[in-house]
Amino acid sequence: MEKILIPLMDNDVAPRFDLATDVLIVTIPRESSRRESLEEKVVVLDHASAESICRLAISENVNTVICAGIEGKYHDFLVWKGTKVIDDVCGPVDAVLDAYHDKRLVPGTYIY
């Protein structure tokens, strides 16, 4: 099973990691290659906090964080904890997940 965390602003990747109060966690079963089998849940934080998002990523055993702007210390912390970070990504969440699923998502991807 693979887990992905994406900070949200409406239906898009939030422009800044530390300002998101809604976070999408997507679970992809290993045996499935179809995007329709994804499990999605939105976690609403009581306030915007990069530390809270990092804690959530670790407690949820997230494998990959997809985000736009992220401060270096949080990027480095997540990588140190074994989480892959794909940053500088902008666009609607569904399109970003499609690109990730198709292995086309790299840092700096803008989808609009």
N, C-alpha and C. Protein backbone atom coordinates (compact mmCIF):
# COMPACT_ATOMS: atom_id res chain seq x y z
N MET A 1 0.84 -1.16 0.00
CA MET A 1 0.00 0.00 0.00
C MET A 1 0.90 1.24 0.00
N GLU A 2 0.48 2.23 -0.76
CA GLU A 2 1.20 3.49 -0.83
C GLU A 2 0.28 4.61 -0.38
N LYS A 3 0.84 5.58 0.37
CA LYS A 3 0.06 6.73 0.81
C LYS A 3 0.71 8.01 0.32
N ILE A 4 -0.16 8.91 -0.14
CA ILE A 4 0.27 10.21 -0.66
C ILE A 4 -0.45 11.28 0.14
N LEU A 5 0.25 12.35 0.49
CA LEU A 5 -0.34 13.48 1.18
C LEU A 5 -0.21 14.72 0.30
N ILE A 6 -1.32 15.46 0.16
CA ILE A 6 -1.33 16.68 -0.64
C ILE A 6 -2.03 17.79 0.16
N PRO A 7 -1.31 18.87 0.49
CA PRO A 7 -1.97 20.02 1.11
C PRO A 7 -2.92 20.67 0.09
N LEU A 8 -4.12 21.04 0.54
CA LEU A 8 -5.15 21.52 -0.38
C LEU A 8 -5.50 22.99 -0.21
N MET A 9 -5.90 23.59 -1.31
CA MET A 9 -6.62 24.85 -1.33
C MET A 9 -7.74 24.65 -2.33
N ASP A 10 -8.95 24.50 -1.83
CA ASP A 10 -10.10 24.12 -2.64
C ASP A 10 -9.79 22.78 -3.30
N ASN A 11 -9.81 22.71 -4.63
CA ASN A 11 -9.52 21.45 -5.33
C ASN A 11 -8.14 21.44 -5.97
N ASP A 12 -7.28 22.36 -5.54
CA ASP A 12 -5.93 22.46 -6.08
C ASP A 12 -4.89 22.14 -5.01
N VAL A 13 -3.66 21.88 -5.47
CA VAL A 13 -2.55 21.78 -4.54
C VAL A 13 -2.35 23.17 -3.93
N ALA A 14 -2.27 23.24 -2.61
CA ALA A 14 -2.10 24.53 -1.93
C ALA A 14 -0.79 25.18 -2.37
N PRO A 15 -0.80 26.49 -2.61
CA PRO A 15 0.41 27.15 -3.06
C PRO A 15 1.55 27.14 -2.04
N ARG A 16 1.19 27.04 -0.74
CA ARG A 16 2.21 26.96 0.31
C ARG A 16 1.86 25.87 1.29
N PHE A 17 2.82 25.01 1.56
CA PHE A 17 2.69 23.89 2.48
C PHE A 17 2.24 24.36 3.86
N ASP A 18 2.83 25.45 4.35
CA ASP A 18 2.59 25.90 5.72
C ASP A 18 1.29 26.67 5.92
N LEU A 19 0.55 26.95 4.85
CA LEU A 19 -0.70 27.69 4.97
C LEU A 19 -1.95 26.84 4.74
N ALA A 20 -1.77 25.58 4.48
CA ALA A 20 -2.91 24.69 4.21
C ALA A 20 -3.57 24.24 5.51
N THR A 21 -4.89 24.29 5.54
CA THR A 21 -5.62 23.74 6.68
C THR A 21 -6.33 22.44 6.31
N ASP A 22 -6.44 22.16 5.02
CA ASP A 22 -7.02 20.90 4.54
C ASP A 22 -5.93 20.09 3.87
N VAL A 23 -5.90 18.80 4.19
CA VAL A 23 -4.88 17.91 3.64
C VAL A 23 -5.57 16.66 3.11
N LEU A 24 -5.23 16.30 1.88
CA LEU A 24 -5.76 15.08 1.28
C LEU A 24 -4.76 13.95 1.49
N ILE A 25 -5.25 12.82 1.96
CA ILE A 25 -4.42 11.62 2.06
C ILE A 25 -5.03 10.57 1.15
N VAL A 26 -4.24 10.10 0.21
CA VAL A 26 -4.68 9.13 -0.78
C VAL A 26 -3.95 7.82 -0.51
N THR A 27 -4.72 6.74 -0.44
CA THR A 27 -4.15 5.40 -0.26
C THR A 27 -4.33 4.62 -1.54
N ILE A 28 -3.21 4.07 -2.04
CA ILE A 28 -3.23 3.28 -3.27
C ILE A 28 -2.91 1.83 -2.90
N PRO A 29 -3.87 0.93 -3.07
CA PRO A 29 -3.58 -0.49 -2.80
C PRO A 29 -2.50 -1.00 -3.75
N ARG A 30 -1.58 -1.81 -3.26
CA ARG A 30 -0.48 -2.32 -4.09
C ARG A 30 -0.97 -3.15 -5.27
N GLU A 31 -2.01 -3.93 -5.04
CA GLU A 31 -2.46 -4.85 -6.08
C GLU A 31 -3.23 -4.15 -7.20
N SER A 32 -3.44 -2.86 -7.06
CA SER A 32 -4.25 -2.16 -8.06
C SER A 32 -3.41 -1.15 -8.81
N SER A 33 -3.61 -1.12 -10.11
CA SER A 33 -2.95 -0.10 -10.93
C SER A 33 -3.97 0.89 -11.46
N ARG A 34 -5.23 0.72 -11.05
CA ARG A 34 -6.29 1.61 -11.55
C ARG A 34 -6.54 2.74 -10.58
N ARG A 35 -6.68 3.92 -11.10
CA ARG A 35 -6.90 5.10 -10.28
C ARG A 35 -8.25 5.06 -9.58
N GLU A 36 -9.20 4.33 -10.10
CA GLU A 36 -10.54 4.26 -9.51
C GLU A 36 -10.52 3.57 -8.14
N SER A 37 -9.50 2.79 -7.85
CA SER A 37 -9.46 2.04 -6.60
C SER A 37 -8.78 2.82 -5.47
N LEU A 38 -8.48 4.08 -5.68
CA LEU A 38 -7.86 4.89 -4.64
C LEU A 38 -8.84 5.15 -3.49
N GLU A 39 -8.30 5.21 -2.29
CA GLU A 39 -9.08 5.64 -1.14
C GLU A 39 -8.60 7.04 -0.79
N GLU A 40 -9.53 7.96 -0.64
CA GLU A 40 -9.18 9.35 -0.34
C GLU A 40 -9.87 9.80 0.94
N LYS A 41 -9.13 10.56 1.75
CA LYS A 41 -9.76 11.19 2.91
C LYS A 41 -9.13 12.57 3.08
N VAL A 42 -9.95 13.52 3.48
CA VAL A 42 -9.49 14.87 3.74
C VAL A 42 -9.43 15.07 5.25
N VAL A 43 -8.29 15.53 5.71
CA VAL A 43 -8.11 15.85 7.12
C VAL A 43 -8.11 17.37 7.24
N VAL A 44 -8.95 17.89 8.13
CA VAL A 44 -9.04 19.33 8.36
C VAL A 44 -8.29 19.64 9.65
N LEU A 45 -7.26 20.45 9.53
CA LEU A 45 -6.47 20.85 10.70
C LEU A 45 -7.13 22.03 11.39
N ASP A 46 -6.92 22.18 12.68
CA ASP A 46 -7.55 23.29 13.40
C ASP A 46 -6.90 24.64 13.07
N HIS A 47 -5.67 24.61 12.58
CA HIS A 47 -5.00 25.83 12.09
C HIS A 47 -3.88 25.43 11.14
N ALA A 48 -3.49 26.36 10.30
CA ALA A 48 -2.41 26.09 9.34
C ALA A 48 -1.09 25.95 10.09
N SER A 49 -0.38 24.86 9.81
CA SER A 49 0.89 24.61 10.50
C SER A 49 1.69 23.56 9.74
N ALA A 50 2.87 23.94 9.31
CA ALA A 50 3.75 22.98 8.63
C ALA A 50 4.12 21.84 9.57
N GLU A 51 4.32 22.15 10.85
CA GLU A 51 4.66 21.11 11.82
C GLU A 51 3.54 20.09 11.94
N SER A 52 2.28 20.57 11.95
CA SER A 52 1.14 19.66 12.04
C SER A 52 1.04 18.76 10.82
N ILE A 53 1.31 19.32 9.66
CA ILE A 53 1.25 18.51 8.44
C ILE A 53 2.37 17.47 8.45
N CYS A 54 3.56 17.85 8.88
CA CYS A 54 4.66 16.89 8.97
C CYS A 54 4.32 15.78 9.97
N ARG A 55 3.77 16.15 11.12
CA ARG A 55 3.36 15.14 12.13
C ARG A 55 2.32 14.19 11.55
N LEU A 56 1.36 14.76 10.82
CA LEU A 56 0.32 13.95 10.20
C LEU A 56 0.93 12.98 9.18
N ALA A 57 1.85 13.47 8.38
CA ALA A 57 2.50 12.61 7.37
C ALA A 57 3.22 11.43 8.03
N ILE A 58 3.91 11.71 9.12
CA ILE A 58 4.63 10.64 9.82
C ILE A 58 3.66 9.67 10.49
N SER A 59 2.65 10.19 11.18
CA SER A 59 1.71 9.31 11.89
C SER A 59 0.86 8.48 10.95
N GLU A 60 0.61 8.98 9.75
CA GLU A 60 -0.18 8.25 8.75
C GLU A 60 0.68 7.34 7.86
N ASN A 61 1.99 7.31 8.13
CA ASN A 61 2.92 6.50 7.32
C ASN A 61 2.85 6.85 5.84
N VAL A 62 2.87 8.14 5.55
CA VAL A 62 2.81 8.63 4.18
C VAL A 62 4.14 8.35 3.49
N ASN A 63 4.07 7.83 2.26
CA ASN A 63 5.27 7.56 1.47
C ASN A 63 5.73 8.77 0.67
N THR A 64 4.76 9.56 0.18
CA THR A 64 5.06 10.67 -0.72
C THR A 64 4.23 11.89 -0.35
N VAL A 65 4.87 13.05 -0.30
CA VAL A 65 4.18 14.32 -0.14
C VAL A 65 4.30 15.06 -1.47
N ILE A 66 3.16 15.50 -1.98
CA ILE A 66 3.12 16.31 -3.19
C ILE A 66 2.67 17.69 -2.76
N CYS A 67 3.47 18.71 -3.07
CA CYS A 67 3.14 20.06 -2.61
C CYS A 67 3.71 21.09 -3.58
N ALA A 68 3.36 22.33 -3.33
CA ALA A 68 3.92 23.44 -4.12
C ALA A 68 5.11 23.98 -3.34
N GLY A 69 4.96 25.17 -2.73
CA GLY A 69 6.06 25.75 -1.98
C GLY A 69 6.19 25.12 -0.60
N ILE A 70 7.41 24.71 -0.26
CA ILE A 70 7.67 24.14 1.07
C ILE A 70 9.02 24.67 1.55
N GLU A 71 9.05 25.09 2.79
CA GLU A 71 10.28 25.59 3.38
C GLU A 71 11.30 24.46 3.48
N GLY A 72 12.56 24.79 3.27
CA GLY A 72 13.63 23.79 3.24
C GLY A 72 13.71 22.90 4.45
N LYS A 73 13.50 23.46 5.65
CA LYS A 73 13.63 22.63 6.86
C LYS A 73 12.54 21.57 6.93
N TYR A 74 11.34 21.84 6.40
CA TYR A 74 10.27 20.84 6.42
C TYR A 74 10.51 19.80 5.32
N HIS A 75 10.99 20.26 4.18
CA HIS A 75 11.36 19.34 3.10
C HIS A 75 12.43 18.37 3.61
N ASP A 76 13.48 18.91 4.21
CA ASP A 76 14.58 18.08 4.70
C ASP A 76 14.12 17.13 5.81
N PHE A 77 13.24 17.60 6.70
CA PHE A 77 12.74 16.75 7.77
C PHE A 77 11.99 15.55 7.19
N LEU A 78 11.09 15.82 6.24
CA LEU A 78 10.32 14.72 5.65
C LEU A 78 11.22 13.72 4.94
N VAL A 79 12.20 14.20 4.19
CA VAL A 79 13.14 13.31 3.51
C VAL A 79 13.94 12.51 4.54
N TRP A 80 14.36 13.16 5.61
CA TRP A 80 15.10 12.49 6.68
C TRP A 80 14.27 11.36 7.29
N LYS A 81 12.95 11.57 7.37
CA LYS A 81 12.05 10.56 7.92
C LYS A 81 11.68 9.48 6.89
N GLY A 82 12.22 9.58 5.68
CA GLY A 82 11.98 8.55 4.67
C GLY A 82 10.80 8.82 3.75
N THR A 83 10.31 10.05 3.75
CA THR A 83 9.18 10.42 2.90
C THR A 83 9.70 11.11 1.65
N LYS A 84 9.25 10.66 0.50
CA LYS A 84 9.61 11.31 -0.76
C LYS A 84 8.81 12.61 -0.87
N VAL A 85 9.45 13.68 -1.31
CA VAL A 85 8.78 14.97 -1.48
C VAL A 85 8.89 15.39 -2.94
N ILE A 86 7.74 15.60 -3.56
CA ILE A 86 7.68 16.13 -4.92
C ILE A 86 7.11 17.54 -4.77
N ASP A 87 7.99 18.54 -4.86
CA ASP A 87 7.57 19.91 -4.59
C ASP A 87 7.50 20.76 -5.85
N ASP A 88 7.06 21.99 -5.66
CA ASP A 88 6.89 22.95 -6.76
C ASP A 88 5.89 22.42 -7.79
N VAL A 89 4.84 21.77 -7.28
CA VAL A 89 3.78 21.21 -8.13
C VAL A 89 2.53 22.07 -7.98
N CYS A 90 1.96 22.48 -9.09
CA CYS A 90 0.74 23.30 -9.07
C CYS A 90 -0.29 22.68 -10.00
N GLY A 91 -1.55 22.76 -9.59
CA GLY A 91 -2.63 22.29 -10.44
C GLY A 91 -3.76 21.66 -9.65
N PRO A 92 -4.82 21.29 -10.37
CA PRO A 92 -5.94 20.60 -9.74
C PRO A 92 -5.51 19.22 -9.22
N VAL A 93 -6.02 18.85 -8.08
CA VAL A 93 -5.60 17.59 -7.44
C VAL A 93 -5.82 16.39 -8.35
N ASP A 94 -6.97 16.30 -9.01
CA ASP A 94 -7.22 15.14 -9.87
C ASP A 94 -6.19 15.02 -10.99
N ALA A 95 -5.84 16.13 -11.61
CA ALA A 95 -4.85 16.11 -12.69
C ALA A 95 -3.46 15.77 -12.15
N VAL A 96 -3.15 16.27 -10.96
CA VAL A 96 -1.86 15.96 -10.33
C VAL A 96 -1.79 14.47 -9.99
N LEU A 97 -2.86 13.91 -9.46
CA LEU A 97 -2.87 12.47 -9.16
C LEU A 97 -2.77 11.63 -10.43
N ASP A 98 -3.42 12.07 -11.50
CA ASP A 98 -3.29 11.37 -12.78
C ASP A 98 -1.84 11.38 -13.25
N ALA A 99 -1.18 12.52 -13.15
CA ALA A 99 0.22 12.62 -13.56
C ALA A 99 1.10 11.74 -12.68
N TYR A 100 0.82 11.70 -11.38
CA TYR A 100 1.58 10.84 -10.47
C TYR A 100 1.38 9.37 -10.84
N HIS A 101 0.14 9.00 -11.07
CA HIS A 101 -0.19 7.62 -11.44
C HIS A 101 0.51 7.21 -12.73
N ASP A 102 0.60 8.14 -13.68
CA ASP A 102 1.24 7.87 -14.97
C ASP A 102 2.75 8.05 -14.93
N LYS A 103 3.30 8.30 -13.73
CA LYS A 103 4.74 8.50 -13.53
C LYS A 103 5.29 9.69 -14.31
N ARG A 104 4.46 10.73 -14.46
CA ARG A 104 4.86 11.97 -15.16
C ARG A 104 5.06 13.12 -14.20
N LEU A 105 4.87 12.90 -12.92
CA LEU A 105 4.95 13.99 -11.94
C LEU A 105 6.37 14.11 -11.41
N VAL A 106 6.95 15.27 -11.62
CA VAL A 106 8.30 15.57 -11.13
C VAL A 106 8.24 16.96 -10.49
N PRO A 107 9.23 17.28 -9.65
CA PRO A 107 9.26 18.64 -9.10
C PRO A 107 9.21 19.68 -10.21
N GLY A 108 8.40 20.71 -10.00
CA GLY A 108 8.27 21.77 -10.99
C GLY A 108 7.15 21.56 -11.99
N THR A 109 6.31 20.55 -11.78
CA THR A 109 5.20 20.28 -12.71
C THR A 109 4.06 21.27 -12.48
N TYR A 110 3.66 21.96 -13.54
CA TYR A 110 2.50 22.87 -13.51
C TYR A 110 1.46 22.30 -14.43
N ILE A 111 0.27 22.03 -13.91
CA ILE A 111 -0.81 21.46 -14.70
C ILE A 111 -2.01 22.40 -14.63
N TYR A 112 -2.27 23.10 -15.72
CA TYR A 112 -3.46 23.96 -15.80
C TYR A 112 -3.99 23.96 -17.21
